Protein backbone atom coordinates (compact mmCIF):
# COMPACT_ATOMS: atom_id res chain seq x y z
CA MET A 1 0.18 -0.12 -0.02
CA ASP A 2 2.53 2.02 1.34
CA THR A 3 4.65 2.02 -2.78
CA LEU A 4 1.16 2.00 -3.95
CA ARG A 5 0.31 6.04 -2.19
CA ARG A 6 4.12 6.58 -2.75
CA SER A 7 3.13 5.99 -6.92
CA LEU A 8 0.34 7.86 -6.83
CA SER A 9 1.88 10.86 -5.41
CA ARG A 10 3.76 11.36 -7.94
CA TRP A 11 0.74 11.77 -9.79
CA LYS A 12 -0.12 15.14 -7.29
CA ARG A 13 -0.93 18.29 -8.18
CA TYR A 14 -1.70 21.18 -5.69
CA HIS A 15 -3.96 24.90 -6.56
CA ILE A 16 -2.21 27.07 -5.86
CA LYS A 17 -2.20 30.90 -5.48
CA VAL A 18 0.78 33.27 -4.71
CA HIS A 19 -0.20 36.97 -3.38
CA LEU A 20 2.44 39.09 -5.54
CA ALA A 21 2.30 41.84 -3.09
CA ASP A 22 4.46 45.04 -5.10
CA GLU A 23 1.42 44.10 -7.95
CA ASP A 24 -1.15 42.90 -5.20
CA LEU A 25 -1.78 40.55 -7.61
CA MET A 26 -2.98 36.94 -6.64
CA MET A 27 -1.53 34.40 -9.37
CA PRO A 28 -3.19 30.45 -10.20
CA LEU A 29 -0.34 27.83 -10.04
CA THR A 30 -0.76 24.38 -10.56
CA VAL A 31 2.21 22.60 -8.64
CA ARG A 32 3.44 19.15 -6.57
CA PRO A 33 3.85 18.68 -3.61
CA ARG A 34 7.61 17.32 -4.74
CA ASP A 35 8.62 20.87 -6.37
CA THR A 36 10.87 23.36 -4.01
CA VAL A 37 10.52 27.05 -4.13
CA MET A 38 13.27 27.23 -7.04
CA ASP A 39 10.43 25.48 -9.27
CA LEU A 40 7.86 27.73 -8.15
CA ARG A 41 10.38 31.16 -8.99
CA ALA A 42 10.62 29.49 -12.56
CA LEU A 43 7.26 29.17 -13.09
CA LEU A 44 6.57 32.94 -12.34
CA VAL A 45 9.46 32.90 -15.08
CA ARG A 46 7.20 31.36 -17.75
CA GLU A 47 4.28 33.75 -16.23
CA GLY A 48 6.35 36.76 -17.16
CA ILE A 49 7.09 37.16 -12.84
CA THR A 50 10.34 37.79 -12.35
CA SER A 51 10.62 36.37 -8.10
CA TRP A 52 14.56 36.74 -8.44
CA LYS A 53 15.05 39.90 -5.26
CA LYS A 54 11.84 39.32 -3.56
CA THR A 55 11.18 36.22 -0.75
CA PHE A 56 8.56 33.81 -0.46
CA TYR A 57 6.60 33.27 3.05
CA TYR A 58 3.80 30.63 3.87
CA ASN A 59 1.65 31.18 7.21
CA SER A 60 3.92 34.04 8.33
CA ARG A 61 6.98 31.81 7.79
CA GLN A 62 9.72 32.67 4.82
CA LEU A 63 10.43 29.64 3.19
CA GLU A 64 13.94 28.82 1.71
CA GLU A 65 14.60 28.22 -1.75
CA HIS A 66 15.78 24.56 -1.28
CA GLU A 67 12.12 23.78 0.75
CA THR A 68 10.31 21.60 -1.32
CA LEU A 69 6.43 22.33 -0.48
CA LYS A 70 5.75 19.25 1.14
CA GLU A 71 8.37 20.02 3.77
CA ALA A 72 6.45 23.59 4.04
CA ASN A 73 3.24 21.98 4.60
CA ILE A 74 1.64 23.71 1.38
CA GLN A 75 -1.35 21.88 0.61
CA ASN A 76 -4.58 22.24 -2.58
CA GLY A 77 -5.67 25.21 -2.23
CA SER A 78 -3.09 27.45 -0.15
CA VAL A 79 -1.37 31.05 -0.63
CA LEU A 80 1.72 31.64 -0.76
CA LEU A 81 3.05 35.60 0.15
CA LEU A 82 5.32 37.08 -2.40
CA VAL A 83 7.40 39.85 -0.86
CA SER A 84 10.89 42.47 -2.27
CA ASN A 85 13.65 42.00 -0.12
CA ASN A 86 14.06 45.86 -0.31
């Protein structure tokens, strides 16, 4: 059963939103639990949003670059905050 659960998690998708504080914009993203913050940055770049000098926060906690969404306890429907490092 564990093997099946791990196999299915490979296909699991979360629909989250990133609140771009500077632009006051909510960007919907489809991600996987094993995606990292760096992967989120790459997804935003594909959408035309630069995020390299900005920090991601979830539940008032700064996310680390190599932290996975699963490690950060981000679930389907979560909202991340993206703010400038100024």
